[in-house]
Amino acid sequence: MSEYNIARYEELGLSNDFMFGKVMQKERYCKPFLEQVLGIRIDHIEYVERQKTIDEKIDGRSIRLDIYADDGKTVYNCEMQTSPNRNLPRRSRYYQGQIDINLISKGVDYKELKKSFIIFVCTYDPFGRGQYVYTFLNRCQEVLDLELGDDTVKVFLNTKGTKGTISRNLKELLEYIETSKIPVGCRNPLVTELEGEVDAARSNKEWRREYMTLEMLKQDCREEGRKEEREEMVRGLLNEGVPVLVIAKAAKITVEEVEAIKQNNL
């Protein structure tokens, strides 16, 4: 039996990447969300896409972005991150590179590359310093007030943060993402609107089918990955001369399955 449990669609909150993408694909939520997260004013959003796939031929790999928005001058990539990932900084670097390559491939000269924000909303503290927000710019180590000026910004939000000065709106927004409940005494109208949209989305049968299909595909991929890892371990033990019965117990599979792997390994 798989160890992976699919969360019930009717119980999903905004911290779920599927729900987050569905809600944020609407400009009426995406624009104010980005404004509150970044503390800036955005005139309008020209383009919003959820689960945008960037598939470049350079390294044969692709990335899928939770939300990709463009206001004509700036691009915004916003990701919901609920599982601790020590490689998150490198992931942000990779995303940045792929987004830039995607822009270049559309005929944009590098001098005209748009300003970009890579944003991760984390339901854990990604750097362990207790900050609500961690903002990173490329800065000169020798002259700390000298920025590179490459117009790239990486922002990591921590829903469990306790340090730093942020707006009341952002604090309430982070608390809502963390708890899936409207904070007591909430004054942020966006939070109330988001709760209404999430509640409505939970009743959307088409989205429910889409969610279940995607989650089952993820489960299949995980199980396939575990199967390949298990078979690799079995082959290694066979090559070391470990008895079949011992291998079967260690890998938690039948003797017949070990024998089948053995035959395929000949």
Protein backbone atom coordinates (compact mmCIF):
# COMPACT_ATOMS: atom_id res chain seq x y z
CA MET A 1 0.00 0.00 0.00
CA SER A 2 1.26 3.47 -0.86
CA GLU A 3 2.41 5.75 1.96
CA TYR A 4 1.20 8.75 -0.03
CA ASN A 5 -2.21 10.04 1.04
CA ILE A 6 -4.17 12.32 -1.25
CA ALA A 7 -5.65 15.27 0.63
CA ARG A 8 -9.43 15.55 0.28
CA TYR A 9 -10.31 18.18 -2.28
CA GLU A 10 -13.11 19.55 -0.10
CA GLU A 11 -10.54 20.35 2.62
CA LEU A 12 -7.91 22.10 0.48
CA GLY A 13 -6.75 25.54 1.54
CA LEU A 14 -4.81 28.23 -0.30
CA SER A 15 -1.52 26.63 0.76
CA ASN A 16 -2.24 23.71 -1.57
CA ASP A 17 -0.43 24.43 -4.84
CA PHE A 18 -3.38 23.23 -6.96
CA MET A 19 -5.85 25.49 -5.15
CA PHE A 20 -3.35 28.34 -5.10
CA GLY A 21 -2.89 28.11 -8.86
CA LYS A 22 -6.62 27.96 -9.56
CA VAL A 23 -7.39 31.01 -7.44
CA MET A 24 -4.40 33.09 -8.52
CA GLN A 25 -5.00 32.59 -12.23
CA LYS A 26 -7.61 35.34 -11.86
CA GLU A 27 -6.16 38.84 -12.08
CA ARG A 28 -8.61 40.16 -9.46
CA TYR A 29 -6.76 38.03 -6.89
CA CYS A 30 -3.31 37.74 -8.43
CA LYS A 31 -2.67 41.48 -8.70
CA PRO A 32 -3.52 42.46 -5.09
CA PHE A 33 -1.78 39.33 -3.81
CA LEU A 34 1.47 40.30 -5.53
CA GLU A 35 1.08 43.90 -4.40
CA GLN A 36 0.71 42.89 -0.75
CA VAL A 37 3.54 40.35 -0.91
CA LEU A 38 5.99 42.75 -2.58
CA GLY A 39 4.75 46.02 -1.12
CA ILE A 40 4.49 47.64 -4.55
CA ARG A 41 1.80 49.00 -6.86
CA ILE A 42 1.08 47.12 -10.08
CA ASP A 43 -0.85 49.02 -12.72
CA HIS A 44 -2.33 45.94 -14.35
CA ILE A 45 -1.58 42.33 -15.23
CA GLU A 46 -1.41 41.61 -18.96
CA TYR A 47 -0.91 37.89 -18.67
CA VAL A 48 -1.45 35.24 -15.99
CA GLU A 49 -0.86 31.52 -16.41
CA ARG A 50 -1.03 28.74 -13.84
CA GLN A 51 1.12 25.63 -14.13
CA LYS A 52 3.10 27.29 -16.91
CA THR A 53 5.59 24.83 -18.36
CA ILE A 54 8.93 26.08 -19.62
CA ASP A 55 10.61 23.32 -21.59
CA GLU A 56 13.98 24.33 -22.97
CA LYS A 57 16.18 22.09 -25.11
CA ILE A 58 19.43 23.27 -23.54
CA ASP A 59 19.47 20.72 -20.72
CA GLY A 60 16.45 18.63 -21.64
CA ARG A 61 14.65 19.54 -18.43
CA SER A 62 11.45 21.47 -17.92
CA ILE A 63 9.94 23.41 -15.03
CA ARG A 64 6.32 23.93 -14.12
CA LEU A 65 5.51 27.22 -12.44
CA ASP A 66 2.55 27.55 -10.05
CA ILE A 67 1.82 31.10 -11.22
CA TYR A 68 3.51 33.13 -13.96
CA ALA A 69 2.33 36.72 -14.42
CA ASP A 70 3.47 39.55 -16.67
CA ASP A 71 2.52 43.22 -16.38
CA GLY A 72 4.33 44.24 -19.56
CA LYS A 73 7.47 45.44 -17.78
CA THR A 74 7.95 42.83 -15.05
CA VAL A 75 7.43 39.08 -14.79
CA TYR A 76 6.38 37.41 -11.54
CA ASN A 77 6.78 33.74 -10.71
CA CYS A 78 5.03 32.74 -7.48
CA GLU A 79 5.33 29.26 -5.97
CA MET A 80 3.62 27.69 -2.95
CA GLN A 81 6.08 25.58 -0.96
CA THR A 82 4.76 23.40 1.88
CA SER A 83 7.55 20.81 2.15
CA PRO A 84 10.97 21.82 3.55
CA ASN A 85 13.51 21.84 0.73
CA ARG A 86 17.14 22.65 1.42
CA ASN A 87 17.71 23.13 -2.31
CA LEU A 88 15.18 25.96 -2.53
CA PRO A 89 17.84 28.67 -3.13
CA ARG A 90 19.28 26.71 -6.07
CA ARG A 91 15.79 26.01 -7.33
CA SER A 92 15.11 29.75 -7.36
CA ARG A 93 18.35 30.24 -9.31
CA TYR A 94 17.32 27.60 -11.85
CA TYR A 95 13.85 29.07 -12.25
CA GLN A 96 15.36 32.50 -12.82
CA GLY A 97 17.66 31.17 -15.52
CA GLN A 98 14.91 29.27 -17.30
CA ILE A 99 12.55 32.24 -17.26
CA ASP A 100 15.27 34.45 -18.76
CA ILE A 101 16.04 31.87 -21.44
CA ASN A 102 12.33 31.60 -22.21
CA LEU A 103 12.18 35.39 -22.73
CA ILE A 104 15.31 35.38 -24.89
CA SER A 105 13.91 32.55 -27.01
CA LYS A 106 11.01 34.81 -27.90
CA GLY A 107 13.38 37.24 -29.59
CA VAL A 108 14.07 39.61 -26.70
CA ASP A 109 17.58 41.04 -26.63
CA TYR A 110 19.24 40.50 -23.26
CA LYS A 111 19.34 44.27 -22.82
CA GLU A 112 15.55 44.25 -22.86
CA LEU A 113 15.04 41.44 -20.33
CA LYS A 114 12.20 42.36 -18.01
CA LYS A 115 12.59 42.78 -14.29
CA SER A 116 11.65 39.58 -12.53
CA PHE A 117 10.49 38.44 -9.12
CA ILE A 118 10.86 34.80 -8.06
CA ILE A 119 8.57 34.36 -5.05
CA PHE A 120 8.25 31.34 -2.77
CA VAL A 121 5.48 31.32 -0.17
CA CYS A 122 6.70 28.81 2.42
CA THR A 123 4.65 27.28 5.22
CA TYR A 124 7.92 26.74 7.11
CA ASP A 125 10.96 28.91 7.80
CA PRO A 126 13.27 28.36 4.80
CA PHE A 127 16.31 29.96 6.47
CA GLY A 128 15.61 29.46 10.16
CA ARG A 129 15.97 33.14 11.12
CA GLY A 130 12.35 33.80 12.06
CA GLN A 131 11.76 36.52 9.45
CA TYR A 132 8.37 37.01 7.82
CA VAL A 133 10.11 37.86 4.54
CA TYR A 134 13.57 37.18 3.12
CA THR A 135 14.41 39.35 0.09
CA PHE A 136 17.56 38.71 -1.94
CA LEU A 137 19.25 41.03 -4.43
CA ASN A 138 22.62 40.61 -6.14
CA ARG A 139 24.88 42.90 -4.13
CA CYS A 140 28.61 43.70 -4.12
CA GLN A 141 30.35 42.18 -1.08
CA GLU A 142 33.00 44.88 -0.98
CA VAL A 143 30.57 47.79 -1.37
CA LEU A 144 27.37 46.70 0.35
CA ASP A 145 25.25 49.58 -0.95
CA LEU A 146 26.19 48.71 -4.53
CA GLU A 147 23.63 46.50 -6.25
CA LEU A 148 24.40 44.69 -9.49
CA GLY A 149 21.29 46.15 -11.10
CA ASP A 150 20.34 43.02 -13.03
CA ASP A 151 16.67 43.55 -12.08
CA THR A 152 16.28 40.11 -10.49
CA VAL A 153 14.70 39.74 -7.05
CA LYS A 154 14.12 36.56 -5.08
CA VAL A 155 11.60 36.68 -2.23
CA PHE A 156 10.87 33.95 0.31
CA LEU A 157 7.87 34.39 2.60
CA ASN A 158 7.54 32.48 5.88
CA THR A 159 3.99 31.95 7.16
CA LYS A 160 5.46 31.06 10.56
CA GLY A 161 7.53 34.24 10.78
CA THR A 162 7.71 36.43 13.88
CA LYS A 163 10.43 38.95 12.99
CA GLY A 164 10.62 41.93 10.67
CA THR A 165 8.39 44.86 9.88
CA ILE A 166 5.61 44.02 7.44
CA SER A 167 2.19 45.51 6.75
CA ARG A 168 -0.84 44.37 8.71
CA ASN A 169 -2.37 43.20 5.42
CA LEU A 170 0.58 40.94 4.67
CA LYS A 171 0.67 39.58 8.23
CA GLU A 172 -3.01 38.66 7.99
CA LEU A 173 -2.50 37.17 4.54
CA LEU A 174 0.34 34.96 5.79
CA GLU A 175 -1.72 33.87 8.81
CA TYR A 176 -4.60 32.97 6.51
CA ILE A 177 -2.32 30.86 4.30
CA GLU A 178 -0.88 29.17 7.40
CA THR A 179 -4.20 28.32 9.09
CA SER A 180 -6.76 28.36 6.24
CA LYS A 181 -8.88 30.50 8.57
CA ILE A 182 -9.65 34.21 8.49
CA PRO A 183 -7.65 35.82 11.34
CA VAL A 184 -9.61 37.24 14.26
CA GLY A 185 -10.27 40.95 13.66
CA CYS A 186 -9.00 40.70 10.07
CA ARG A 187 -9.09 44.01 8.18
CA ASN A 188 -7.61 42.73 4.94
CA PRO A 189 -10.42 42.58 2.34
CA LEU A 190 -8.28 40.36 0.10
CA VAL A 191 -8.26 37.61 2.74
CA THR A 192 -12.05 37.61 2.92
CA GLU A 193 -12.30 37.51 -0.89
CA LEU A 194 -9.77 34.68 -1.10
CA GLU A 195 -11.69 32.64 1.47
CA GLY A 196 -14.86 33.10 -0.57
CA GLU A 197 -13.09 32.01 -3.76
CA VAL A 198 -11.48 28.98 -2.09
CA ASP A 199 -14.84 27.96 -0.62
CA ALA A 200 -16.46 28.21 -4.04
CA ALA A 201 -13.61 26.29 -5.66
CA ARG A 202 -14.13 23.38 -3.29
CA SER A 203 -17.57 22.89 -4.87
CA ASN A 204 -16.24 22.95 -8.44
CA LYS A 205 -16.68 19.37 -9.69
CA GLU A 206 -14.53 19.89 -12.77
CA TRP A 207 -11.61 21.17 -10.69
CA ARG A 208 -12.11 18.30 -8.26
CA ARG A 209 -11.74 15.76 -11.10
CA GLU A 210 -8.67 17.59 -12.37
CA TYR A 211 -7.12 17.62 -8.90
CA MET A 212 -7.75 13.92 -8.30
CA THR A 213 -6.33 13.03 -11.72
CA LEU A 214 -3.16 15.05 -11.12
CA GLU A 215 -2.69 13.63 -7.61
CA MET A 216 -3.11 10.06 -8.85
CA LEU A 217 -0.53 10.71 -11.57
CA LYS A 218 1.86 12.08 -8.92
CA GLN A 219 1.25 8.98 -6.82
CA ASP A 220 2.00 6.73 -9.78
CA CYS A 221 5.26 8.61 -10.38
CA ARG A 222 6.26 8.28 -6.73
CA GLU A 223 5.48 4.58 -6.70
CA GLU A 224 7.37 4.06 -9.96
CA GLY A 225 10.33 5.90 -8.48
CA ARG A 226 10.26 3.73 -5.36
CA LYS A 227 10.02 0.61 -7.53
CA GLU A 228 13.11 1.62 -9.51
CA GLU A 229 15.03 2.39 -6.29
CA ARG A 230 14.00 -0.96 -4.80
CA GLU A 231 15.03 -2.88 -7.90
CA GLU A 232 18.37 -1.07 -7.94
CA MET A 233 18.94 -2.11 -4.31
CA VAL A 234 17.99 -5.72 -5.09
CA ARG A 235 20.39 -5.86 -8.03
CA GLY A 236 23.17 -4.49 -5.86
CA LEU A 237 22.54 -7.10 -3.16
CA LEU A 238 22.38 -9.87 -5.74
CA ASN A 239 25.74 -8.78 -7.13
CA GLU A 240 27.14 -8.96 -3.59
CA GLY A 241 25.96 -12.57 -3.31
CA VAL A 242 23.31 -11.92 -0.65
CA PRO A 243 20.80 -14.83 -0.45
CA VAL A 244 17.49 -14.32 -2.24
CA LEU A 245 15.41 -14.91 0.91
CA VAL A 246 17.39 -12.28 2.84
CA ILE A 247 16.98 -9.79 0.00
CA ALA A 248 13.23 -10.42 -0.16
CA LYS A 249 12.87 -9.64 3.55
CA ALA A 250 15.05 -6.54 3.32
CA ALA A 251 13.21 -5.16 0.27
CA LYS A 252 9.79 -6.24 1.60
CA ILE A 253 8.95 -8.10 -1.61
CA THR A 254 8.36 -11.76 -2.46
CA VAL A 255 11.06 -14.28 -3.30
CA GLU A 256 9.47 -14.61 -6.74
CA GLU A 257 9.92 -10.88 -7.36
CA VAL A 258 13.58 -11.10 -6.38
CA GLU A 259 14.03 -14.08 -8.70
CA ALA A 260 12.40 -12.12 -11.56
CA ILE A 261 14.83 -9.22 -11.02
CA LYS A 262 17.67 -11.73 -10.89
CA GLN A 263 16.64 -13.23 -14.23
CA ASN A 264 16.37 -9.79 -15.85
CA ASN A 265 19.82 -8.98 -14.53
CA LEU A 266 21.49 -11.94 -16.21
